Amino acid sequence: MNDILSWILDSVSSVDPVWRTLIAGVAMLLETSILLGLIVPGDTVLLVTATGVQGPVQYFALALASIVGALCGESIGFLLGRHFGPRIRHSRLGRRIGERHWQRAERYLDRRGGIAVFLSRFLPVLHSLIPVTVGMSTMAYRRFIAWTLPACIVWSFAYVTAGSLAAGSYRELADRLHFAGYIFVAVIVVFVVVVLVVKKLIARGEERHMTDATDFSSPAHTEAGPPTGVDRPADV
């Protein structure tokens, strides 16, 4: 276990720190722009690149790059929504996402405003739709950035800290404990589980702001119970 994990971590660390940082920033830009967050695993890329962090300079550089990348991506999404929103919504990709998800994003933004922008960073599907949806709304860009910036900071530092902490702890223990690799895996698994639980709790708490009141009176809803979260489109 230790040998395999050491090889993986050494491979990540062998990549030039500048390139690792740029890769993470570009991945975040792609995840938060033009709906590519539905297929580009920016969080996975950031977590992997964080395992190669060595020292505070690389730590803060990676976190800053991911924040800047996320903000640039969300700004692109905002501008695309402002100028081409309806066209994107009714495009082939927009139809594949599903009108239901577009309506949920609109409803959520109308009811929660800036809070929706902040919390959508932690919600599947919505984190890609909200920037475009905000662009189609009357919300000013300055207000949009003011709400999404702290969310991007929290999100980025959480992933960079988890990845670098797990890898750093493993490197310190690898020569002394033969099961150090399992400790690394346990740290990553605990982090991922915590992230999933937090996302689930946020989705449940915010669901009423995304669902139309008439949905709760429909026979289908009565039989199935209230929805508990935002589902990723099956065909995306």
C-alpha atoms as a PDB file:
ATOM      1  CA  MET A   1       0.000   0.000   0.000  1.00  0.00           C
ATOM      2  CA  ASN A   2       2.734   2.448   1.007  1.00  0.00           C
ATOM      3  CA  ASP A   3       4.781   1.714  -2.122  1.00  0.00           C
ATOM      4  CA  ILE A   4       1.838   2.345  -4.453  1.00  0.00           C
ATOM      5  CA  LEU A   5       0.760   5.486  -2.649  1.00  0.00           C
ATOM      6  CA  SER A   6       4.321   6.822  -2.517  1.00  0.00           C
ATOM      7  CA  TRP A   7       4.642   6.315  -6.274  1.00  0.00           C
ATOM      8  CA  ILE A   8       1.370   8.193  -6.895  1.00  0.00           C
ATOM      9  CA  LEU A   9       2.271  11.096  -4.612  1.00  0.00           C
ATOM     10  CA  ASP A  10       5.809  11.286  -6.010  1.00  0.00           C
ATOM     11  CA  SER A  11       4.357  11.417  -9.527  1.00  0.00           C
ATOM     12  CA  VAL A  12       2.153  14.368  -8.572  1.00  0.00           C
ATOM     13  CA  SER A  13       5.013  16.095  -6.756  1.00  0.00           C
ATOM     14  CA  SER A  14       7.327  15.609  -9.743  1.00  0.00           C
ATOM     15  CA  VAL A  15       5.148  17.913 -11.831  1.00  0.00           C
ATOM     16  CA  ASP A  16       6.506  21.447 -11.826  1.00  0.00           C
ATOM     17  CA  PRO A  17       4.665  23.440  -9.105  1.00  0.00           C
ATOM     18  CA  VAL A  18       3.851  26.176 -11.598  1.00  0.00           C
ATOM     19  CA  TRP A  19       2.213  23.689 -13.941  1.00  0.00           C
ATOM     20  CA  ARG A  20       0.303  22.043 -11.082  1.00  0.00           C
ATOM     21  CA  THR A  21      -1.004  25.415 -10.030  1.00  0.00           C
ATOM     22  CA  LEU A  22      -2.009  26.374 -13.567  1.00  0.00           C
ATOM     23  CA  ILE A  23      -3.736  23.035 -14.127  1.00  0.00           C
ATOM     24  CA  ALA A  24      -5.793  23.510 -10.974  1.00  0.00           C
ATOM     25  CA  GLY A  25      -6.717  27.067 -11.931  1.00  0.00           C
ATOM     26  CA  VAL A  26      -7.785  26.070 -15.451  1.00  0.00           C
ATOM     27  CA  ALA A  27      -9.781  23.121 -14.097  1.00  0.00           C
ATOM     28  CA  MET A  28     -11.655  25.469 -11.778  1.00  0.00           C
ATOM     29  CA  LEU A  29     -12.273  27.910 -14.618  1.00  0.00           C
ATOM     30  CA  LEU A  30     -13.727  25.145 -16.783  1.00  0.00           C
ATOM     31  CA  GLU A  31     -15.829  23.761 -13.936  1.00  0.00           C
ATOM     32  CA  THR A  32     -17.569  27.056 -13.249  1.00  0.00           C
ATOM     33  CA  SER A  33     -18.011  28.311 -16.822  1.00  0.00           C
ATOM     34  CA  ILE A  34     -20.254  27.441 -19.763  1.00  0.00           C
ATOM     35  CA  LEU A  35     -21.912  24.591 -17.906  1.00  0.00           C
ATOM     36  CA  LEU A  36     -18.745  22.460 -18.062  1.00  0.00           C
ATOM     37  CA  GLY A  37     -18.981  21.947 -14.299  1.00  0.00           C
ATOM     38  CA  LEU A  38     -21.443  19.187 -15.108  1.00  0.00           C
ATOM     39  CA  ILE A  39     -18.646  17.110 -16.658  1.00  0.00           C
ATOM     40  CA  VAL A  40     -15.311  18.595 -15.497  1.00  0.00           C
ATOM     41  CA  PRO A  41     -14.419  17.325 -11.972  1.00  0.00           C
ATOM     42  CA  GLY A  42     -12.707  20.477 -10.754  1.00  0.00           C
ATOM     43  CA  ASP A  43     -12.882  19.385  -7.119  1.00  0.00           C
ATOM     44  CA  THR A  44     -11.087  16.105  -7.916  1.00  0.00           C
ATOM     45  CA  VAL A  45      -8.354  17.898  -9.868  1.00  0.00           C
ATOM     46  CA  LEU A  46      -7.839  20.356  -7.007  1.00  0.00           C
ATOM     47  CA  LEU A  47      -7.688  17.582  -4.397  1.00  0.00           C
ATOM     48  CA  VAL A  48      -5.123  15.619  -6.420  1.00  0.00           C
ATOM     49  CA  THR A  49      -2.903  18.622  -7.147  1.00  0.00           C
ATOM     50  CA  ALA A  50      -3.046  19.575  -3.461  1.00  0.00           C
ATOM     51  CA  THR A  51      -1.297  16.311  -2.557  1.00  0.00           C
ATOM     52  CA  GLY A  52       1.810  17.659  -4.291  1.00  0.00           C
ATOM     53  CA  VAL A  53       1.968  20.809  -2.174  1.00  0.00           C
ATOM     54  CA  GLN A  54       5.257  21.309  -0.364  1.00  0.00           C
ATOM     55  CA  GLY A  55       5.517  24.371   1.810  1.00  0.00           C
ATOM     56  CA  PRO A  56       3.300  27.374   2.523  1.00  0.00           C
ATOM     57  CA  VAL A  57       4.177  29.169  -0.729  1.00  0.00           C
ATOM     58  CA  GLN A  58       2.817  26.334  -2.879  1.00  0.00           C
ATOM     59  CA  TYR A  59      -0.162  25.958  -0.542  1.00  0.00           C
ATOM     60  CA  PHE A  60      -1.303  29.556  -0.849  1.00  0.00           C
ATOM     61  CA  ALA A  61      -0.411  29.732  -4.551  1.00  0.00           C
ATOM     62  CA  LEU A  62      -2.634  26.717  -5.285  1.00  0.00           C
ATOM     63  CA  ALA A  63      -5.497  28.076  -3.188  1.00  0.00           C
ATOM     64  CA  LEU A  64      -5.221  31.485  -4.854  1.00  0.00           C
ATOM     65  CA  ALA A  65      -5.097  29.946  -8.340  1.00  0.00           C
ATOM     66  CA  SER A  66      -8.222  27.890  -7.681  1.00  0.00           C
ATOM     67  CA  ILE A  67     -10.057  30.945  -6.323  1.00  0.00           C
ATOM     68  CA  VAL A  68      -9.058  33.103  -9.301  1.00  0.00           C
ATOM     69  CA  GLY A  69      -9.941  30.286 -11.699  1.00  0.00           C
ATOM     70  CA  ALA A  70     -13.357  29.826 -10.105  1.00  0.00           C
ATOM     71  CA  LEU A  71     -14.087  33.562 -10.179  1.00  0.00           C
ATOM     72  CA  CYS A  72     -13.003  33.843 -13.823  1.00  0.00           C
ATOM     73  CA  GLY A  73     -15.147  30.857 -14.743  1.00  0.00           C
ATOM     74  CA  GLU A  74     -18.187  32.214 -12.932  1.00  0.00           C
ATOM     75  CA  SER A  75     -17.639  35.618 -14.534  1.00  0.00           C
ATOM     76  CA  ILE A  76     -17.621  33.965 -17.960  1.00  0.00           C
ATOM     77  CA  GLY A  77     -20.837  32.147 -17.056  1.00  0.00           C
ATOM     78  CA  PHE A  78     -22.374  35.440 -15.913  1.00  0.00           C
ATOM     79  CA  LEU A  79     -21.432  37.230 -19.143  1.00  0.00           C
ATOM     80  CA  LEU A  80     -22.682  34.372 -21.288  1.00  0.00           C
ATOM     81  CA  GLY A  81     -25.974  34.443 -19.405  1.00  0.00           C
ATOM     82  CA  ARG A  82     -26.233  38.214 -19.791  1.00  0.00           C
ATOM     83  CA  HIS A  83     -25.694  38.143 -23.573  1.00  0.00           C
ATOM     84  CA  PHE A  84     -26.735  34.648 -24.678  1.00  0.00           C
ATOM     85  CA  GLY A  85     -28.747  33.255 -21.762  1.00  0.00           C
ATOM     86  CA  PRO A  86     -31.999  32.290 -23.535  1.00  0.00           C
ATOM     87  CA  ARG A  87     -30.067  30.923 -26.488  1.00  0.00           C
ATOM     88  CA  ILE A  88     -27.945  28.734 -24.194  1.00  0.00           C
ATOM     89  CA  ARG A  89     -30.986  27.577 -22.253  1.00  0.00           C
ATOM     90  CA  HIS A  90     -32.748  26.431 -25.419  1.00  0.00           C
ATOM     91  CA  SER A  91     -29.625  25.017 -27.047  1.00  0.00           C
ATOM     92  CA  ARG A  92     -29.013  21.292 -27.360  1.00  0.00           C
ATOM     93  CA  LEU A  93     -26.931  21.263 -24.162  1.00  0.00           C
ATOM     94  CA  GLY A  94     -29.500  23.396 -22.339  1.00  0.00           C
ATOM     95  CA  ARG A  95     -32.261  20.957 -23.284  1.00  0.00           C
ATOM     96  CA  ARG A  96     -30.137  18.002 -22.159  1.00  0.00           C
ATOM     97  CA  ILE A  97     -29.734  19.612 -18.750  1.00  0.00           C
ATOM     98  CA  GLY A  98     -33.507  19.819 -18.537  1.00  0.00           C
ATOM     99  CA  GLU A  99     -36.009  22.644 -18.185  1.00  0.00           C
ATOM    100  CA  ARG A 100     -36.740  21.496 -14.625  1.00  0.00           C
ATOM    101  CA  HIS A 101     -33.209  22.366 -13.492  1.00  0.00           C
ATOM    102  CA  TRP A 102     -33.318  25.765 -15.206  1.00  0.00           C
ATOM    103  CA  GLN A 103     -36.608  26.531 -13.462  1.00  0.00           C
ATOM    104  CA  ARG A 104     -35.207  25.433 -10.107  1.00  0.00           C
ATOM    105  CA  ALA A 105     -32.201  27.717 -10.577  1.00  0.00           C
ATOM    106  CA  GLU A 106     -34.431  30.680 -11.494  1.00  0.00           C
ATOM    107  CA  ARG A 107     -36.792  30.052  -8.614  1.00  0.00           C
ATOM    108  CA  TYR A 108     -33.944  29.664  -6.140  1.00  0.00           C
ATOM    109  CA  LEU A 109     -32.299  32.890  -7.275  1.00  0.00           C
ATOM    110  CA  ASP A 110     -35.587  34.813  -7.166  1.00  0.00           C
ATOM    111  CA  ARG A 111     -36.343  33.661  -3.626  1.00  0.00           C
ATOM    112  CA  ARG A 112     -32.885  33.722  -2.043  1.00  0.00           C
ATOM    113  CA  GLY A 113     -30.937  36.296  -4.042  1.00  0.00           C
ATOM    114  CA  GLY A 114     -27.297  36.537  -2.968  1.00  0.00           C
ATOM    115  CA  ILE A 115     -27.614  33.622  -0.531  1.00  0.00           C
ATOM    116  CA  ALA A 116     -28.489  31.400  -3.502  1.00  0.00           C
ATOM    117  CA  VAL A 117     -25.286  32.517  -5.234  1.00  0.00           C
ATOM    118  CA  PHE A 118     -23.217  31.661  -2.146  1.00  0.00           C
ATOM    119  CA  LEU A 119     -24.811  28.286  -1.382  1.00  0.00           C
ATOM    120  CA  SER A 120     -24.994  27.142  -5.006  1.00  0.00           C
ATOM    121  CA  ARG A 121     -21.202  26.747  -4.919  1.00  0.00           C
ATOM    122  CA  PHE A 122     -21.840  23.668  -2.758  1.00  0.00           C
ATOM    123  CA  LEU A 123     -24.787  22.223  -4.686  1.00  0.00           C
ATOM    124  CA  PRO A 124     -24.582  19.822  -7.654  1.00  0.00           C
ATOM    125  CA  VAL A 125     -25.881  21.114 -10.994  1.00  0.00           C
ATOM    126  CA  LEU A 126     -26.817  24.514  -9.533  1.00  0.00           C
ATOM    127  CA  HIS A 127     -23.181  25.561  -9.172  1.00  0.00           C
ATOM    128  CA  SER A 128     -22.962  25.460 -12.980  1.00  0.00           C
ATOM    129  CA  LEU A 129     -26.399  26.916 -13.719  1.00  0.00           C
ATOM    130  CA  ILE A 130     -26.469  29.801 -11.246  1.00  0.00           C
ATOM    131  CA  PRO A 131     -23.815  32.011 -12.946  1.00  0.00           C
ATOM    132  CA  VAL A 132     -25.672  31.811 -16.272  1.00  0.00           C
ATOM    133  CA  THR A 133     -29.018  32.268 -14.510  1.00  0.00           C
ATOM    134  CA  VAL A 134     -27.732  35.325 -12.642  1.00  0.00           C
ATOM    135  CA  GLY A 135     -26.582  36.752 -15.976  1.00  0.00           C
ATOM    136  CA  MET A 136     -30.148  36.443 -17.261  1.00  0.00           C
ATOM    137  CA  SER A 137     -31.512  38.188 -14.158  1.00  0.00           C
ATOM    138  CA  THR A 138     -31.356  41.800 -12.995  1.00  0.00           C
ATOM    139  CA  MET A 139     -28.659  41.128 -10.368  1.00  0.00           C
ATOM    140  CA  ALA A 140     -25.623  43.354 -10.849  1.00  0.00           C
ATOM    141  CA  TYR A 141     -22.245  41.765 -11.511  1.00  0.00           C
ATOM    142  CA  ARG A 142     -20.744  43.493  -8.467  1.00  0.00           C
ATOM    143  CA  ARG A 143     -23.331  41.933  -6.176  1.00  0.00           C
ATOM    144  CA  PHE A 144     -22.854  38.540  -7.821  1.00  0.00           C
ATOM    145  CA  ILE A 145     -19.085  38.611  -7.221  1.00  0.00           C
ATOM    146  CA  ALA A 146     -19.557  39.870  -3.658  1.00  0.00           C
ATOM    147  CA  TRP A 147     -21.567  36.722  -2.846  1.00  0.00           C
ATOM    148  CA  THR A 148     -19.616  34.161  -4.843  1.00  0.00           C
ATOM    149  CA  LEU A 149     -16.133  35.269  -3.700  1.00  0.00           C
ATOM    150  CA  PRO A 150     -16.437  34.051  -0.072  1.00  0.00           C
ATOM    151  CA  ALA A 151     -17.954  30.773  -1.277  1.00  0.00           C
ATOM    152  CA  CYS A 152     -15.022  30.209  -3.637  1.00  0.00           C
ATOM    153  CA  ILE A 153     -12.560  31.000  -0.831  1.00  0.00           C
ATOM    154  CA  VAL A 154     -14.155  28.516   1.580  1.00  0.00           C
ATOM    155  CA  TRP A 155     -14.425  25.829  -1.093  1.00  0.00           C
ATOM    156  CA  SER A 156     -10.852  26.220  -2.375  1.00  0.00           C
ATOM    157  CA  PHE A 157      -9.140  26.311   1.003  1.00  0.00           C
ATOM    158  CA  ALA A 158     -11.135  23.289   2.178  1.00  0.00           C
ATOM    159  CA  TYR A 159      -9.937  21.120  -0.728  1.00  0.00           C
ATOM    160  CA  VAL A 160      -6.349  22.387  -0.746  1.00  0.00           C
ATOM    161  CA  THR A 161      -6.075  21.900   3.011  1.00  0.00           C
ATOM    162  CA  ALA A 162      -7.504  18.376   2.900  1.00  0.00           C
ATOM    163  CA  GLY A 163      -5.237  17.225   0.068  1.00  0.00           C
ATOM    164  CA  SER A 164      -2.043  18.787   1.395  1.00  0.00           C
ATOM    165  CA  LEU A 165      -2.722  17.715   4.999  1.00  0.00           C
ATOM    166  CA  ALA A 166      -3.377  14.097   4.029  1.00  0.00           C
ATOM    167  CA  ALA A 167      -0.267  13.898   1.832  1.00  0.00           C
ATOM    168  CA  GLY A 168       1.930  15.718   4.349  1.00  0.00           C
ATOM    169  CA  SER A 169       0.847  13.447   7.192  1.00  0.00           C
ATOM    170  CA  TYR A 170       1.511  10.390   5.071  1.00  0.00           C
ATOM    171  CA  ARG A 171       5.039  11.507   4.150  1.00  0.00           C
ATOM    172  CA  GLU A 172       5.864  12.028   7.825  1.00  0.00           C
ATOM    173  CA  LEU A 173       4.561   8.595   8.839  1.00  0.00           C
ATOM    174  CA  ALA A 174       5.469   6.464   5.817  1.00  0.00           C
ATOM    175  CA  ASP A 175       8.921   5.491   7.113  1.00  0.00           C
ATOM    176  CA  ARG A 176       7.661   4.647  10.592  1.00  0.00           C
ATOM    177  CA  LEU A 177       4.277   3.001  10.032  1.00  0.00           C
ATOM    178  CA  HIS A 178       3.608   0.298   7.482  1.00  0.00           C
ATOM    179  CA  PHE A 179      -0.086   1.233   7.512  1.00  0.00           C
ATOM    180  CA  ALA A 180       0.503   4.956   6.880  1.00  0.00           C
ATOM    181  CA  GLY A 181      -1.132   4.578   3.467  1.00  0.00           C
ATOM    182  CA  TYR A 182      -4.382   3.545   5.094  1.00  0.00           C
ATOM    183  CA  ILE A 183      -4.272   6.660   7.258  1.00  0.00           C
ATOM    184  CA  PHE A 184      -3.961   8.770   4.101  1.00  0.00           C
ATOM    185  CA  VAL A 185      -6.923   7.011   2.494  1.00  0.00           C
ATOM    186  CA  ALA A 186      -8.943   7.371   5.701  1.00  0.00           C
ATOM    187  CA  VAL A 187      -8.318  11.140   5.815  1.00  0.00           C
ATOM    188  CA  ILE A 188      -9.424  11.553   2.190  1.00  0.00           C
ATOM    189  CA  VAL A 189     -12.488   9.345   2.677  1.00  0.00           C
ATOM    190  CA  VAL A 190     -13.539  11.235   5.814  1.00  0.00           C
ATOM    191  CA  PHE A 191     -13.159  14.552   3.985  1.00  0.00           C
ATOM    192  CA  VAL A 192     -15.207  13.358   1.001  1.00  0.00           C
ATOM    193  CA  VAL A 193     -17.929  11.981   3.282  1.00  0.00           C
ATOM    194  CA  VAL A 194     -18.073  15.258   5.220  1.00  0.00           C
ATOM    195  CA  VAL A 195     -18.365  17.208   1.959  1.00  0.00           C
ATOM    196  CA  LEU A 196     -21.178  14.954   0.735  1.00  0.00           C
ATOM    197  CA  VAL A 197     -23.044  15.235   4.042  1.00  0.00           C
ATOM    198  CA  VAL A 198     -22.704  19.043   4.063  1.00  0.00           C
ATOM    199  CA  LYS A 199     -23.951  19.228   0.474  1.00  0.00           C
ATOM    200  CA  LYS A 200     -26.876  16.973   1.325  1.00  0.00           C
ATOM    201  CA  LEU A 201     -27.830  19.049   4.356  1.00  0.00           C
ATOM    202  CA  ILE A 202     -27.648  22.285   2.365  1.00  0.00           C
ATOM    203  CA  ALA A 203     -29.725  20.754  -0.436  1.00  0.00           C
ATOM    204  CA  ARG A 204     -32.401  19.580   2.009  1.00  0.00           C
ATOM    205  CA  GLY A 205     -32.506  22.892   3.821  1.00  0.00           C
ATOM    206  CA  GLU A 206     -32.797  24.889   0.608  1.00  0.00           C
ATOM    207  CA  GLU A 207     -35.118  22.547  -1.318  1.00  0.00           C
ATOM    208  CA  ARG A 208     -38.274  24.472  -0.399  1.00  0.00           C
ATOM    209  CA  HIS A 209     -36.823  27.581  -2.062  1.00  0.00           C
ATOM    210  CA  MET A 210     -36.303  25.724  -5.352  1.00  0.00           C
ATOM    211  CA  THR A 211     -39.601  23.866  -5.585  1.00  0.00           C
ATOM    212  CA  ASP A 212     -42.821  25.374  -6.858  1.00  0.00           C
ATOM    213  CA  ALA A 213     -45.630  25.332  -4.284  1.00  0.00           C
ATOM    214  CA  THR A 214     -47.870  23.465  -6.726  1.00  0.00           C
ATOM    215  CA  ASP A 215     -45.403  20.572  -6.760  1.00  0.00           C
ATOM    216  CA  PHE A 216     -46.238  19.739  -3.167  1.00  0.00           C
ATOM    217  CA  SER A 217     -49.931  19.336  -3.951  1.00  0.00           C
ATOM    218  CA  SER A 218     -49.474  17.062  -6.966  1.00  0.00           C
ATOM    219  CA  PRO A 219     -50.413  13.368  -6.624  1.00  0.00           C
ATOM    220  CA  ALA A 220     -46.926  12.258  -7.675  1.00  0.00           C
ATOM    221  CA  HIS A 221     -45.318  14.374  -4.995  1.00  0.00           C
ATOM    222  CA  THR A 222     -47.762  13.159  -2.356  1.00  0.00           C
ATOM    223  CA  GLU A 223     -46.891   9.543  -3.097  1.00  0.00           C
ATOM    224  CA  ALA A 224     -43.149   9.983  -3.417  1.00  0.00           C
ATOM    225  CA  GLY A 225     -42.628  12.557  -0.676  1.00  0.00           C
ATOM    226  CA  PRO A 226     -40.761  15.847  -0.968  1.00  0.00           C
ATOM    227  CA  PRO A 227     -37.540  15.884  -2.961  1.00  0.00           C
ATOM    228  CA  THR A 228     -34.421  15.802  -0.833  1.00  0.00           C
ATOM    229  CA  GLY A 229     -31.810  17.325  -3.087  1.00  0.00           C
ATOM    230  CA  VAL A 230     -30.679  18.408  -6.497  1.00  0.00           C
ATOM    231  CA  ASP A 231     -30.092  15.456  -8.823  1.00  0.00           C
ATOM    232  CA  ARG A 232     -27.513  15.436 -11.584  1.00  0.00           C
ATOM    233  CA  PRO A 233     -29.124  14.916 -14.997  1.00  0.00           C
ATOM    234  CA  ALA A 234     -28.782  11.260 -15.918  1.00  0.00           C
ATOM    235  CA  ASP A 235     -27.671  11.944 -19.496  1.00  0.00           C
ATOM    236  CA  VAL A 236     -25.036  14.585 -18.829  1.00  0.00           C
END
